[in-house]
Amino acid sequence: MIVFRLSFLLCLLFLASTSSFSQSQDTIELNGRAEILRDTQGAPRVGVPKKPKLSKEAKAYLSPPEDLVLSYKDFLKQKNTGIAKLLPRKEKKSQMIVSAEKPEVYIPSRYGGASYSFSTRKNDDDFCEEIILDNDIYKYPSLPGTAFWVGGGGADIGLITKLGNVDLNDIILERKESQFLANIIPPVQEPVAREYQKMTFTGFYIDGVFYKRMTQAEENTTYLLRSIRYDRADVLVAFRTIRKESDGSFVILWKMLEKNPIPVLKKRPCYFAPCV
């Protein structure tokens, strides 16, 4: 009986200690939350920060030259076509430096005018950038604006191939390069999508055509691109570099061959609660 009472008292002491410990932890957590709330008063609690507005000069600098817009006006009258300007991507520090010649031209965005979304027809659309003018990391020295990359993150899949000096009007969905890219079915399982993604970084040949996540940026050259961005967009686009400017930027003329339904990955099964 004495042993039973002793065991019972020990259990009570253990429960009391754990209760007081959890209460103290709760107090610390509440105090921590109070501190955070005090530090973030007036700041939005949800949502993405608003993108800084571009100045008129910056918008003009990002716009394609008027003479090219005029030269290709008949092509641009067709559906699902467009023209865009891509600036060479710079490092963040260099991006913050304002030119003495054009002090008002500053692009306050992640890519600094180097990315473009065919889906939204916007430069530096952080939600859906589909092409980026960046460095060719496989060459030394790696200079800015020397390669086209298919944009994406997470398990997104991107492939691009260089077709050479081919008229953009001749690039149709029935072309063999278009057929291969169009027939790719986006995986719905993340591990499978990741395996596809690995292949895009190493590159591979299909029927004598090389496909990779990036390729060299050249003037007067036509390219074919497939961008699979989960929960965002899935497009097949042909584009041609119609001019390389003195600052290293490229003006591209493009047409969308196919716009597919937005791909979605299946969520992994959750074995432990809570599952968000």
Protein backbone atom coordinates (compact mmCIF):
# COMPACT_ATOMS: atom_id res chain seq x y z
CA MET A 1 0.00 0.00 0.00
CA ILE A 2 2.87 2.35 0.83
CA VAL A 3 4.51 1.53 -2.50
CA PHE A 4 1.25 2.27 -4.33
CA ARG A 5 0.87 5.69 -2.61
CA LEU A 6 4.47 6.56 -3.39
CA SER A 7 4.01 5.69 -7.05
CA PHE A 8 0.78 7.71 -7.12
CA LEU A 9 2.52 10.77 -5.63
CA LEU A 10 5.37 10.50 -8.13
CA CYS A 11 2.86 10.45 -10.98
CA LEU A 12 1.16 13.56 -9.63
CA LEU A 13 4.49 15.36 -9.33
CA PHE A 14 5.39 14.40 -12.90
CA LEU A 15 2.06 15.65 -14.26
CA ALA A 16 2.35 18.89 -12.31
CA SER A 17 5.86 19.52 -13.60
CA THR A 18 4.90 18.83 -17.21
CA SER A 19 1.84 21.05 -16.83
CA SER A 20 3.89 23.93 -15.46
CA PHE A 21 6.49 23.40 -18.20
CA SER A 22 3.85 23.51 -20.92
CA GLN A 23 2.31 26.62 -19.34
CA SER A 24 5.69 28.32 -19.28
CA GLN A 25 6.26 27.32 -22.90
CA ASP A 26 2.83 28.71 -23.80
CA THR A 27 3.71 31.93 -21.97
CA ILE A 28 6.98 32.22 -23.87
CA GLU A 29 5.20 31.52 -27.16
CA LEU A 30 2.49 34.10 -26.42
CA ASN A 31 5.09 36.67 -25.41
CA GLY A 32 7.00 35.90 -28.59
CA ARG A 33 3.87 36.37 -30.68
CA ALA A 34 3.16 39.65 -28.88
CA GLU A 35 6.66 40.84 -29.72
CA ILE A 36 6.18 39.90 -33.37
CA LEU A 37 2.83 41.67 -33.48
CA ARG A 38 4.39 44.80 -31.95
CA ASP A 39 7.24 44.70 -34.46
CA THR A 40 4.94 44.25 -37.45
CA GLN A 41 2.21 46.75 -36.60
CA GLY A 42 0.97 48.41 -39.75
CA ALA A 43 2.48 45.77 -42.05
CA PRO A 44 0.24 43.54 -44.20
CA ARG A 45 -0.15 40.08 -42.65
CA VAL A 46 -0.96 38.20 -45.84
CA GLY A 47 -0.31 38.58 -49.54
CA VAL A 48 2.69 39.28 -51.73
CA PRO A 49 4.31 42.72 -51.43
CA LYS A 50 3.25 45.07 -54.16
CA LYS A 51 5.61 45.32 -57.09
CA PRO A 52 7.25 48.75 -57.37
CA LYS A 53 5.91 50.85 -60.20
CA LEU A 54 8.11 51.56 -63.20
CA SER A 55 8.88 55.10 -64.21
CA LYS A 56 7.82 56.31 -67.65
CA GLU A 57 11.44 56.21 -68.73
CA ALA A 58 11.86 52.63 -67.53
CA LYS A 59 8.69 51.55 -69.36
CA ALA A 60 9.97 53.19 -72.53
CA TYR A 61 13.33 51.48 -72.12
CA LEU A 62 11.65 48.07 -71.79
CA SER A 63 9.39 48.64 -74.79
CA PRO A 64 10.42 47.17 -78.17
CA PRO A 65 11.76 49.76 -80.68
CA GLU A 66 9.00 51.41 -82.68
CA ASP A 67 10.71 50.73 -86.01
CA LEU A 68 10.58 46.97 -85.35
CA VAL A 69 6.96 47.13 -84.23
CA LEU A 70 6.17 48.90 -87.49
CA SER A 71 8.22 46.47 -89.60
CA TYR A 72 6.38 43.45 -88.18
CA LYS A 73 2.92 45.00 -87.92
CA ASP A 74 1.37 42.43 -90.29
CA PHE A 75 2.77 39.53 -88.31
CA LEU A 76 1.61 41.09 -85.04
CA LYS A 77 -1.95 41.29 -86.38
CA GLN A 78 -2.13 37.50 -86.13
CA LYS A 79 -3.57 35.88 -83.03
CA ASN A 80 -1.28 34.71 -80.25
CA THR A 81 1.73 36.72 -81.42
CA GLY A 82 3.83 39.40 -79.76
CA ILE A 83 7.08 41.29 -79.56
CA ALA A 84 9.20 41.81 -76.46
CA LYS A 85 12.53 43.16 -75.27
CA LEU A 86 14.77 41.29 -72.85
CA LEU A 87 17.58 43.02 -70.98
CA PRO A 88 20.67 41.07 -69.89
CA ARG A 89 20.24 39.91 -66.33
CA LYS A 90 22.58 41.61 -63.90
CA GLU A 91 23.70 40.79 -60.39
CA LYS A 92 21.63 42.42 -57.68
CA LYS A 93 24.38 44.91 -56.79
CA SER A 94 24.90 45.92 -60.42
CA GLN A 95 21.16 46.17 -60.89
CA MET A 96 20.97 48.83 -58.18
CA ILE A 97 23.57 51.01 -59.91
CA VAL A 98 21.96 53.83 -61.86
CA SER A 99 23.59 54.75 -65.14
CA ALA A 100 25.07 58.24 -65.32
CA GLU A 101 23.83 58.52 -68.93
CA LYS A 102 20.30 57.42 -68.05
CA PRO A 103 19.87 58.04 -64.31
CA GLU A 104 16.10 57.72 -64.45
CA VAL A 105 16.09 54.27 -66.09
CA TYR A 106 15.98 51.83 -63.19
CA ILE A 107 14.07 48.52 -63.26
CA PRO A 108 13.11 47.71 -59.63
CA SER A 109 12.31 44.02 -60.10
CA ARG A 110 13.86 40.63 -59.46
CA TYR A 111 15.18 40.15 -62.99
CA GLY A 112 15.65 43.78 -63.96
CA GLY A 113 13.88 43.41 -67.30
CA ALA A 114 15.60 40.11 -68.19
CA SER A 115 12.52 37.88 -67.99
CA TYR A 116 9.26 37.71 -69.93
CA SER A 117 5.98 35.83 -69.67
CA PHE A 118 4.32 34.79 -72.93
CA SER A 119 1.21 33.90 -70.93
CA THR A 120 0.70 37.36 -69.45
CA ARG A 121 2.68 39.39 -72.06
CA LYS A 122 4.67 41.10 -69.31
CA ASN A 123 8.31 41.62 -68.45
CA ASP A 124 9.43 40.39 -65.03
CA ASP A 125 6.20 38.68 -64.12
CA ASP A 126 7.53 36.93 -61.01
CA PHE A 127 4.51 34.65 -60.91
CA CYS A 128 5.01 33.26 -64.41
CA GLU A 129 8.34 34.15 -66.03
CA GLU A 130 8.81 31.74 -68.96
CA ILE A 131 12.03 32.97 -70.56
CA ILE A 132 15.08 34.67 -69.02
CA LEU A 133 18.10 36.27 -70.72
CA ASP A 134 20.89 35.22 -68.38
CA ASN A 135 24.44 33.87 -68.23
CA ASP A 136 25.73 30.80 -70.02
CA ILE A 137 27.01 29.03 -66.91
CA TYR A 138 28.67 26.33 -69.01
CA LYS A 139 31.15 28.78 -70.53
CA TYR A 140 34.01 30.77 -69.03
CA PRO A 141 33.91 33.67 -68.63
CA SER A 142 30.18 33.57 -67.99
CA LEU A 143 28.88 36.85 -69.38
CA PRO A 144 25.39 38.28 -68.83
CA GLY A 145 22.92 38.06 -71.67
CA THR A 146 24.56 35.12 -73.45
CA ALA A 147 21.90 32.45 -72.92
CA PHE A 148 18.16 31.95 -72.98
CA TRP A 149 16.81 30.01 -70.00
CA VAL A 150 13.33 28.60 -69.60
CA GLY A 151 12.03 30.10 -66.37
CA GLY A 152 10.73 28.04 -63.50
CA GLY A 153 11.27 26.72 -60.01
CA GLY A 154 10.18 23.86 -57.80
CA ALA A 155 9.34 20.87 -60.02
CA ASP A 156 8.70 22.98 -63.15
CA ILE A 157 9.93 21.60 -66.47
CA GLY A 158 11.40 23.69 -69.29
CA LEU A 159 12.96 22.80 -72.64
CA ILE A 160 14.30 24.95 -75.46
CA THR A 161 15.93 24.11 -78.79
CA LYS A 162 17.67 26.29 -81.36
CA LEU A 163 16.31 25.94 -84.90
CA GLY A 164 18.69 28.36 -86.62
CA ASN A 165 17.90 30.95 -89.27
CA VAL A 166 14.35 29.81 -89.95
CA ASP A 167 11.36 32.02 -90.80
CA LEU A 168 9.02 32.21 -87.83
CA ASN A 169 6.04 31.68 -90.14
CA ASP A 170 7.45 28.25 -91.05
CA ILE A 171 7.34 27.05 -87.44
CA ILE A 172 4.07 25.16 -87.12
CA LEU A 173 2.72 22.59 -84.69
CA GLU A 174 3.23 19.78 -87.23
CA ARG A 175 6.99 20.34 -87.38
CA LYS A 176 8.94 17.44 -85.81
CA GLU A 177 10.52 19.61 -83.09
CA SER A 178 7.12 21.05 -82.24
CA GLN A 179 5.55 17.60 -82.17
CA PHE A 180 8.08 16.26 -79.69
CA LEU A 181 7.64 19.18 -77.30
CA ALA A 182 3.86 19.22 -77.70
CA ASN A 183 3.59 15.49 -76.93
CA ILE A 184 5.26 15.82 -73.52
CA ILE A 185 2.63 15.06 -70.89
CA PRO A 186 3.35 16.90 -67.62
CA PRO A 187 3.85 14.33 -64.82
CA VAL A 188 1.38 14.58 -61.97
CA GLN A 189 3.69 12.94 -59.42
CA GLU A 190 6.40 15.23 -58.05
CA PRO A 191 9.21 12.61 -58.00
CA VAL A 192 8.59 11.89 -61.70
CA ALA A 193 8.54 15.62 -62.50
CA ARG A 194 11.86 16.03 -60.67
CA GLU A 195 13.41 13.28 -62.81
CA TYR A 196 12.22 15.05 -65.97
CA GLN A 197 13.68 18.25 -64.56
CA LYS A 198 17.10 16.64 -64.08
CA MET A 199 17.10 15.59 -67.73
CA THR A 200 16.43 19.16 -68.85
CA PHE A 201 19.56 20.44 -67.11
CA THR A 202 21.83 17.83 -68.70
CA GLY A 203 20.14 17.97 -72.10
CA PHE A 204 19.44 15.18 -74.61
CA TYR A 205 19.04 14.44 -78.34
CA ILE A 206 15.81 13.30 -79.99
CA ASP A 207 15.91 12.62 -83.74
CA GLY A 208 19.10 14.66 -84.06
CA VAL A 209 17.67 17.67 -82.22
CA PHE A 210 19.19 18.82 -78.92
CA TYR A 211 16.86 19.92 -76.10
CA LYS A 212 17.90 21.52 -72.83
CA ARG A 213 16.79 24.00 -70.15
CA MET A 214 18.98 26.68 -71.78
CA THR A 215 20.70 27.51 -75.04
CA GLN A 216 22.99 30.21 -76.41
CA ALA A 217 21.39 33.54 -77.30
CA GLU A 218 22.15 34.58 -80.88
CA GLU A 219 20.86 37.25 -83.21
CA ASN A 220 18.59 36.38 -86.16
CA THR A 221 17.92 32.92 -84.75
CA THR A 222 14.67 31.04 -84.22
CA TYR A 223 13.93 28.97 -81.11
CA LEU A 224 11.25 26.63 -79.86
CA LEU A 225 10.32 26.56 -76.16
CA ARG A 226 8.07 24.49 -73.91
CA SER A 227 7.46 25.83 -70.43
CA ILE A 228 5.58 23.67 -67.92
CA ARG A 229 4.94 25.65 -64.76
CA TYR A 230 2.81 23.85 -62.21
CA ASP A 231 -0.19 25.81 -60.94
CA ARG A 232 0.71 28.61 -63.37
CA ALA A 233 0.86 27.87 -67.10
CA ASP A 234 1.91 25.40 -69.80
CA VAL A 235 2.86 26.86 -73.19
CA LEU A 236 4.65 25.93 -76.42
CA VAL A 237 6.17 29.01 -78.04
CA ALA A 238 8.29 29.74 -81.11
CA PHE A 239 10.33 32.96 -81.06
CA ARG A 240 12.97 34.68 -83.13
CA THR A 241 15.65 37.18 -82.11
CA ILE A 242 15.19 40.02 -84.58
CA ARG A 243 17.73 42.43 -83.09
CA LYS A 244 20.53 42.59 -80.55
CA GLU A 245 20.92 46.07 -79.09
CA SER A 246 24.22 47.74 -78.19
CA ASP A 247 23.48 47.21 -74.47
CA GLY A 248 23.24 43.44 -74.98
CA SER A 249 19.45 43.28 -74.88
CA PHE A 250 17.49 41.18 -77.38
CA VAL A 251 14.25 42.00 -79.15
CA ILE A 252 12.23 38.88 -79.84
CA LEU A 253 9.24 38.22 -82.06
CA TRP A 254 7.09 35.33 -80.90
CA LYS A 255 4.00 33.25 -81.53
CA MET A 256 2.27 30.77 -79.25
CA LEU A 257 1.74 27.40 -80.91
CA GLU A 258 -0.14 25.84 -78.04
CA LYS A 259 -1.52 26.84 -74.66
CA ASN A 260 -2.38 23.83 -72.50
CA PRO A 261 -4.46 23.51 -69.35
CA ILE A 262 -2.63 24.56 -66.18
CA PRO A 263 -0.71 21.52 -64.87
CA VAL A 264 -1.15 20.43 -61.26
CA LEU A 265 0.92 18.07 -59.13
CA LYS A 266 -0.84 15.54 -56.95
CA LYS A 267 -0.27 16.23 -53.29
CA ARG A 268 1.75 13.63 -51.45
CA PRO A 269 -0.21 11.49 -48.96
CA CYS A 270 -0.06 12.84 -45.43
CA TYR A 271 0.45 10.27 -42.71
CA PHE A 272 0.94 12.62 -39.78
CA ALA A 273 -1.44 15.31 -38.49
CA PRO A 274 -1.77 18.20 -38.99
CA CYS A 275 -1.82 18.17 -42.78
CA VAL A 276 -1.95 21.56 -44.51
